[in-house]
C-alpha atoms as a PDB file:
ATOM      1  CA  MET A   1     154.314 126.654 112.000  1.00  0.00           C
ATOM      2  CA  SER A   2     150.983 125.404 113.357  1.00  0.00           C
ATOM      3  CA  LYS A   3     149.192 126.943 116.332  1.00  0.00           C
ATOM      4  CA  ALA A   4     149.588 123.659 118.221  1.00  0.00           C
ATOM      5  CA  ALA A   5     153.373 123.877 117.819  1.00  0.00           C
ATOM      6  CA  LYS A   6     153.407 127.459 119.189  1.00  0.00           C
ATOM      7  CA  LYS A   7     151.676 126.607 122.477  1.00  0.00           C
ATOM      8  CA  PRO A   8     154.247 127.015 125.276  1.00  0.00           C
ATOM      9  CA  SER A   9     154.547 124.676 128.195  1.00  0.00           C
ATOM     10  CA  PRO A  10     152.713 126.004 131.303  1.00  0.00           C
ATOM     11  CA  ALA A  11     155.991 126.705 133.139  1.00  0.00           C
ATOM     12  CA  LYS A  12     154.705 129.486 135.433  1.00  0.00           C
ATOM     13  CA  PRO A  13     152.045 127.409 137.207  1.00  0.00           C
ATOM     14  CA  LEU A  14     154.578 124.593 137.656  1.00  0.00           C
ATOM     15  CA  ALA A  15     157.015 127.024 139.233  1.00  0.00           C
ATOM     16  CA  LYS A  16     154.375 128.205 141.630  1.00  0.00           C
ATOM     17  CA  SER A  17     153.430 124.633 142.438  1.00  0.00           C
ATOM     18  CA  ALA A  18     157.058 123.692 143.027  1.00  0.00           C
ATOM     19  CA  GLY A  19     157.483 126.747 145.217  1.00  0.00           C
ATOM     20  CA  ARG A  20     154.466 125.776 147.258  1.00  0.00           C
ATOM     21  CA  ALA A  21     155.751 122.207 147.594  1.00  0.00           C
ATOM     22  CA  GLN A  22     159.175 123.418 148.732  1.00  0.00           C
ATOM     23  CA  SER A  23     157.531 125.818 151.173  1.00  0.00           C
ATOM     24  CA  SER A  24     155.351 123.007 152.521  1.00  0.00           C
ATOM     25  CA  VAL A  25     158.371 120.757 153.006  1.00  0.00           C
ATOM     26  CA  HIS A  26     160.262 123.599 154.680  1.00  0.00           C
ATOM     27  CA  GLU A  27     157.345 124.361 157.029  1.00  0.00           C
ATOM     28  CA  SER A  28     157.014 120.667 157.808  1.00  0.00           C
ATOM     29  CA  LYS A  29     160.703 120.491 158.757  1.00  0.00           C
ATOM     30  CA  LEU A  30     160.364 123.610 160.893  1.00  0.00           C
ATOM     31  CA  GLY A  31     157.332 122.124 162.616  1.00  0.00           C
ATOM     32  CA  LEU A  32     159.246 118.920 163.343  1.00  0.00           C
ATOM     33  CA  GLN A  33     162.224 120.853 164.690  1.00  0.00           C
ATOM     34  CA  GLU A  34     159.952 122.975 166.883  1.00  0.00           C
ATOM     35  CA  SER A  35     158.134 119.956 168.289  1.00  0.00           C
ATOM     36  CA  GLN A  36     161.472 118.331 169.113  1.00  0.00           C
ATOM     37  CA  ALA A  37     162.877 121.478 170.714  1.00  0.00           C
ATOM     38  CA  TYR A  38     159.722 122.464 172.592  1.00  0.00           C
ATOM     39  CA  PRO A  39     157.688 119.305 173.257  1.00  0.00           C
ATOM     40  CA  ALA A  40     155.989 120.764 176.342  1.00  0.00           C
ATOM     41  CA  SER A  41     154.787 123.823 174.431  1.00  0.00           C
ATOM     42  CA  GLN A  42     153.332 121.633 171.719  1.00  0.00           C
ATOM     43  CA  ARG A  43     151.394 119.618 174.265  1.00  0.00           C
ATOM     44  CA  GLN A  44     150.122 122.733 175.996  1.00  0.00           C
ATOM     45  CA  ARG A  45     148.825 124.190 172.746  1.00  0.00           C
ATOM     46  CA  GLY A  46     146.868 121.008 172.232  1.00  0.00           C
ATOM     47  CA  LEU A  47     145.063 121.374 175.577  1.00  0.00           C
ATOM     48  CA  SER A  48     141.782 123.160 175.983  1.00  0.00           C
ATOM     49  CA  VAL A  49     142.096 126.425 177.901  1.00  0.00           C
ATOM     50  CA  LYS A  50     139.475 125.153 180.337  1.00  0.00           C
ATOM     51  CA  GLU A  51     141.190 121.803 180.878  1.00  0.00           C
ATOM     52  CA  PRO A  52     143.803 121.961 183.680  1.00  0.00           C
ATOM     53  CA  PRO A  53     146.960 119.855 183.353  1.00  0.00           C
ATOM     54  CA  LEU A  54     146.217 118.146 186.658  1.00  0.00           C
ATOM     55  CA  ASP A  55     142.979 116.731 185.271  1.00  0.00           C
ATOM     56  CA  VAL A  56     144.879 115.465 182.236  1.00  0.00           C
ATOM     57  CA  HIS A  57     147.224 113.561 184.537  1.00  0.00           C
ATOM     58  CA  GLY A  58     144.334 112.204 186.605  1.00  0.00           C
ATOM     59  CA  ALA A  59     144.676 114.067 189.901  1.00  0.00           C
ATOM     60  CA  PRO A  60     141.343 115.052 191.482  1.00  0.00           C
ATOM     61  CA  ALA A  61     140.877 118.636 192.656  1.00  0.00           C
ATOM     62  CA  THR A  62     140.937 117.766 196.372  1.00  0.00           C
ATOM     63  CA  LEU A  63     143.610 118.206 199.009  1.00  0.00           C
ATOM     64  CA  LYS A  64     144.095 114.455 199.384  1.00  0.00           C
ATOM     65  CA  GLY A  65     144.231 114.091 195.601  1.00  0.00           C
ATOM     66  CA  TYR A  66     146.854 116.824 195.223  1.00  0.00           C
ATOM     67  CA  VAL A  67     149.052 115.405 197.990  1.00  0.00           C
ATOM     68  CA  SER A  68     148.857 111.912 196.514  1.00  0.00           C
ATOM     69  CA  TYR A  69     149.495 113.249 193.011  1.00  0.00           C
ATOM     70  CA  LEU A  70     152.541 115.275 194.006  1.00  0.00           C
ATOM     71  CA  ARG A  71     154.083 112.329 195.837  1.00  0.00           C
ATOM     72  CA  SER A  72     154.416 110.427 192.557  1.00  0.00           C
ATOM     73  CA  ALA A  73     154.469 113.256 189.996  1.00  0.00           C
ATOM     74  CA  THR A  74     157.428 113.728 187.674  1.00  0.00           C
ATOM     75  CA  PRO A  75     159.250 117.090 187.675  1.00  0.00           C
ATOM     76  CA  LEU A  76     157.501 118.065 184.432  1.00  0.00           C
ATOM     77  CA  GLN A  77     154.110 117.196 185.890  1.00  0.00           C
ATOM     78  CA  ARG A  78     154.879 119.359 188.908  1.00  0.00           C
ATOM     79  CA  VAL A  79     155.823 122.204 186.555  1.00  0.00           C
ATOM     80  CA  ALA A  80     152.423 121.853 184.865  1.00  0.00           C
ATOM     81  CA  ALA A  81     150.707 121.942 188.252  1.00  0.00           C
ATOM     82  CA  GLU A  82     152.665 125.032 189.311  1.00  0.00           C
ATOM     83  CA  ARG A  83     151.728 126.859 186.119  1.00  0.00           C
ATOM     84  CA  GLN A  84     148.063 125.989 186.520  1.00  0.00           C
ATOM     85  CA  GLY A  85     147.739 126.981 190.158  1.00  0.00           C
ATOM     86  CA  VAL A  86     145.674 125.520 192.986  1.00  0.00           C
ATOM     87  CA  PRO A  87     141.919 125.959 193.548  1.00  0.00           C
ATOM     88  CA  ALA A  88     141.428 128.500 196.328  1.00  0.00           C
ATOM     89  CA  GLN A  89     138.884 126.205 197.976  1.00  0.00           C
ATOM     90  CA  VAL A  90     141.534 123.472 198.239  1.00  0.00           C
ATOM     91  CA  VAL A  91     143.870 125.960 199.930  1.00  0.00           C
ATOM     92  CA  LYS A  92     141.172 126.786 202.484  1.00  0.00           C
ATOM     93  CA  HIS A  93     140.617 123.070 203.061  1.00  0.00           C
ATOM     94  CA  MET A  94     144.350 122.649 203.579  1.00  0.00           C
ATOM     95  CA  ALA A  95     144.358 125.399 206.221  1.00  0.00           C
ATOM     96  CA  ALA A  96     141.475 123.723 208.056  1.00  0.00           C
ATOM     97  CA  SER A  97     143.139 120.288 207.894  1.00  0.00           C
ATOM     98  CA  MET A  98     146.360 121.735 209.318  1.00  0.00           C
ATOM     99  CA  GLU A  99     144.348 123.632 211.953  1.00  0.00           C
ATOM    100  CA  LEU A 100     145.733 126.949 210.782  1.00  0.00           C
ATOM    101  CA  PRO A 101     143.532 130.043 210.507  1.00  0.00           C
ATOM    102  CA  ALA A 102     142.801 130.760 206.847  1.00  0.00           C
ATOM    103  CA  VAL A 103     144.250 134.255 207.197  1.00  0.00           C
ATOM    104  CA  ARG A 104     147.521 132.748 208.485  1.00  0.00           C
ATOM    105  CA  MET A 105     147.659 130.324 205.573  1.00  0.00           C
ATOM    106  CA  PHE A 106     147.121 133.185 203.130  1.00  0.00           C
ATOM    107  CA  ASN A 107     149.889 135.119 204.880  1.00  0.00           C
ATOM    108  CA  ILE A 108     152.281 132.175 204.517  1.00  0.00           C
ATOM    109  CA  LEU A 109     151.429 131.955 200.818  1.00  0.00           C
ATOM    110  CA  GLY A 110     151.848 135.692 200.313  1.00  0.00           C
ATOM    111  CA  ILE A 111     148.326 136.424 199.098  1.00  0.00           C
ATOM    112  CA  ALA A 112     145.866 138.966 200.480  1.00  0.00           C
ATOM    113  CA  LYS A 113     142.905 137.489 202.385  1.00  0.00           C
ATOM    114  CA  ALA A 114     140.392 139.454 200.306  1.00  0.00           C
ATOM    115  CA  THR A 115     141.950 138.186 197.059  1.00  0.00           C
ATOM    116  CA  ALA A 116     142.007 134.583 198.254  1.00  0.00           C
ATOM    117  CA  GLU A 117     138.414 134.726 199.501  1.00  0.00           C
ATOM    118  CA  SER A 118     137.287 136.255 196.221  1.00  0.00           C
ATOM    119  CA  LYS A 119     138.981 133.479 194.258  1.00  0.00           C
ATOM    120  CA  ALA A 120     137.389 130.873 196.510  1.00  0.00           C
ATOM    121  CA  ALA A 121     133.941 132.399 195.941  1.00  0.00           C
ATOM    122  CA  GLN A 122     134.531 132.366 192.179  1.00  0.00           C
ATOM    123  CA  GLN A 123     135.946 128.818 192.306  1.00  0.00           C
ATOM    124  CA  ALA A 124     139.135 130.217 190.799  1.00  0.00           C
ATOM    125  CA  ARG A 125     142.751 129.161 191.260  1.00  0.00           C
ATOM    126  CA  ILE A 126     145.613 130.724 193.152  1.00  0.00           C
ATOM    127  CA  ALA A 127     148.527 130.830 190.738  1.00  0.00           C
ATOM    128  CA  GLY A 128     151.960 132.420 190.527  1.00  0.00           C
ATOM    129  CA  ALA A 129     154.295 132.411 193.532  1.00  0.00           C
ATOM    130  CA  SER A 130     151.386 131.920 195.963  1.00  0.00           C
ATOM    131  CA  GLY A 131     150.143 128.880 194.082  1.00  0.00           C
ATOM    132  CA  GLN A 132     153.642 127.416 194.008  1.00  0.00           C
ATOM    133  CA  ALA A 133     153.954 127.945 197.765  1.00  0.00           C
ATOM    134  CA  ALA A 134     150.619 126.147 198.271  1.00  0.00           C
ATOM    135  CA  LEU A 135     151.880 123.207 196.230  1.00  0.00           C
ATOM    136  CA  GLY A 136     155.067 123.300 198.303  1.00  0.00           C
ATOM    137  CA  ILE A 137     153.073 122.830 201.511  1.00  0.00           C
ATOM    138  CA  MET A 138     151.220 119.948 199.864  1.00  0.00           C
ATOM    139  CA  ARG A 139     154.569 118.353 199.068  1.00  0.00           C
ATOM    140  CA  LEU A 140     155.547 118.771 202.727  1.00  0.00           C
ATOM    141  CA  LEU A 141     152.330 116.954 203.596  1.00  0.00           C
ATOM    142  CA  GLY A 142     153.435 114.175 201.253  1.00  0.00           C
ATOM    143  CA  ILE A 143     156.843 113.973 202.961  1.00  0.00           C
ATOM    144  CA  THR A 144     155.166 113.809 206.376  1.00  0.00           C
ATOM    145  CA  GLU A 145     152.850 111.042 205.210  1.00  0.00           C
ATOM    146  CA  ALA A 146     155.820 109.098 203.841  1.00  0.00           C
ATOM    147  CA  ILE A 147     157.599 109.331 207.212  1.00  0.00           C
ATOM    148  CA  VAL A 148     154.500 108.092 209.005  1.00  0.00           C
ATOM    149  CA  ASP A 149     153.904 105.316 206.457  1.00  0.00           C
ATOM    150  CA  ALA A 150     157.450 104.052 206.979  1.00  0.00           C
ATOM    151  CA  SER A 151     157.192 104.147 210.753  1.00  0.00           C
ATOM    152  CA  THR A 152     156.647 101.051 212.864  1.00  0.00           C
ATOM    153  CA  ALA A 153     155.836 103.109 215.962  1.00  0.00           C
ATOM    154  CA  GLU A 154     152.621 102.241 217.749  1.00  0.00           C
ATOM    155  CA  GLY A 155     151.181 105.718 217.297  1.00  0.00           C
ATOM    156  CA  ALA A 156     151.758 105.810 213.543  1.00  0.00           C
ATOM    157  CA  ARG A 157     148.413 104.253 212.647  1.00  0.00           C
ATOM    158  CA  GLY A 158     145.760 106.932 212.444  1.00  0.00           C
ATOM    159  CA  PHE A 159     148.332 109.689 212.942  1.00  0.00           C
ATOM    160  CA  ASP A 160     147.088 113.097 211.730  1.00  0.00           C
ATOM    161  CA  SER A 161     149.914 114.225 209.420  1.00  0.00           C
ATOM    162  CA  ALA A 162     148.256 117.494 208.401  1.00  0.00           C
ATOM    163  CA  LYS A 163     147.606 118.581 211.987  1.00  0.00           C
ATOM    164  CA  TRP A 164     151.187 117.729 213.002  1.00  0.00           C
ATOM    165  CA  LEU A 165     152.663 119.607 210.047  1.00  0.00           C
ATOM    166  CA  GLY A 166     150.521 122.646 210.833  1.00  0.00           C
ATOM    167  CA  ARG A 167     152.135 122.811 214.272  1.00  0.00           C
ATOM    168  CA  TRP A 168     155.639 121.972 213.048  1.00  0.00           C
ATOM    169  CA  ILE A 169     155.904 124.717 210.439  1.00  0.00           C
ATOM    170  CA  GLU A 170     154.920 127.284 213.092  1.00  0.00           C
ATOM    171  CA  GLN A 171     157.591 126.212 215.565  1.00  0.00           C
ATOM    172  CA  PRO A 172     161.064 127.850 215.498  1.00  0.00           C
ATOM    173  CA  GLN A 173     163.651 125.279 214.398  1.00  0.00           C
ATOM    174  CA  PRO A 174     167.278 125.383 215.620  1.00  0.00           C
ATOM    175  CA  ALA A 175     168.425 124.008 212.246  1.00  0.00           C
ATOM    176  CA  LEU A 176     166.877 127.077 210.607  1.00  0.00           C
ATOM    177  CA  GLY A 177     168.585 129.517 212.928  1.00  0.00           C
ATOM    178  CA  GLY A 178     165.484 129.784 215.094  1.00  0.00           C
ATOM    179  CA  ARG A 179     163.229 130.630 212.174  1.00  0.00           C
ATOM    180  CA  LYS A 180     159.828 129.050 211.599  1.00  0.00           C
ATOM    181  CA  PRO A 181     159.598 126.785 208.516  1.00  0.00           C
ATOM    182  CA  ALA A 182     156.425 128.671 207.537  1.00  0.00           C
ATOM    183  CA  ASP A 183     158.433 131.864 207.119  1.00  0.00           C
ATOM    184  CA  LEU A 184     160.681 130.291 204.469  1.00  0.00           C
ATOM    185  CA  LEU A 185     158.064 128.751 202.193  1.00  0.00           C
ATOM    186  CA  ASP A 186     157.595 131.820 199.998  1.00  0.00           C
ATOM    187  CA  THR A 187     160.711 131.081 197.917  1.00  0.00           C
ATOM    188  CA  PRO A 188     161.876 127.916 196.081  1.00  0.00           C
ATOM    189  CA  THR A 189     165.164 127.892 198.017  1.00  0.00           C
ATOM    190  CA  GLY A 190     163.360 128.287 201.311  1.00  0.00           C
ATOM    191  CA  PHE A 191     161.059 125.408 200.464  1.00  0.00           C
ATOM    192  CA  ASP A 192     164.042 123.192 199.587  1.00  0.00           C
ATOM    193  CA  VAL A 193     165.677 123.953 202.954  1.00  0.00           C
ATOM    194  CA  VAL A 194     162.469 123.141 204.842  1.00  0.00           C
ATOM    195  CA  ALA A 195     161.813 119.990 202.796  1.00  0.00           C
ATOM    196  CA  ARG A 196     165.327 118.687 203.494  1.00  0.00           C
ATOM    197  CA  LEU A 197     164.912 119.352 207.204  1.00  0.00           C
ATOM    198  CA  LEU A 198     161.549 117.601 207.310  1.00  0.00           C
ATOM    199  CA  GLY A 199     162.817 114.670 205.279  1.00  0.00           C
ATOM    200  CA  SER A 200     165.755 114.210 207.627  1.00  0.00           C
ATOM    201  CA  LEU A 201     163.514 113.489 210.605  1.00  0.00           C
ATOM    202  CA  GLU A 202     163.641 109.916 211.779  1.00  0.00           C
ATOM    203  CA  SER A 203     160.449 107.902 211.562  1.00  0.00           C
ATOM    204  CA  GLY A 204     159.763 108.215 215.284  1.00  0.00           C
ATOM    205  CA  SER A 205     160.624 111.899 215.604  1.00  0.00           C
ATOM    206  CA  TYR A 206     157.128 113.102 214.738  1.00  0.00           C
ATOM    207  CA  GLN A 207     155.902 111.977 218.161  1.00  0.00           C
END
């Protein structure tokens, strides 16, 4: 028999190649399944660590920008904002706009004054439960603005929604059992109760 006839077919490399192809197909299927099951996680992994979700969705890092953004944001966009946190400087601006002492605002949000001031100096964000509470107050600002926008009362034009809300959340409310709305904003359930109460006010009640 000739040497040419004795040469075997290169079966081992083909087996390895087939194995790699099957593995590639399997990994591709797993990747597709994962992207379908966890679409938000896939999108987050594609974002730069330095690029906040709010910027991706086009909301500027200002109090007015946040309030406007949250008024039209989808639930998933609000989740992204809650995970990212709020710039400490914006929180201080919010306190000033609502005519609340910064230390009182930090107390409402459940964050130490020294920590908040340090974050503001470093241009860092307040995240976690305190950041979520800050976003909750911004949503209350959005609700107040919506009430004023819908009002036909003479005093509605030029009405200072932030200043009014700053007073309202510090006033005991009979519907809350005499509690201040500000004292309930540190939990999601508390925020929901306060938001429902605020939203139930008639357009002229803010006067």
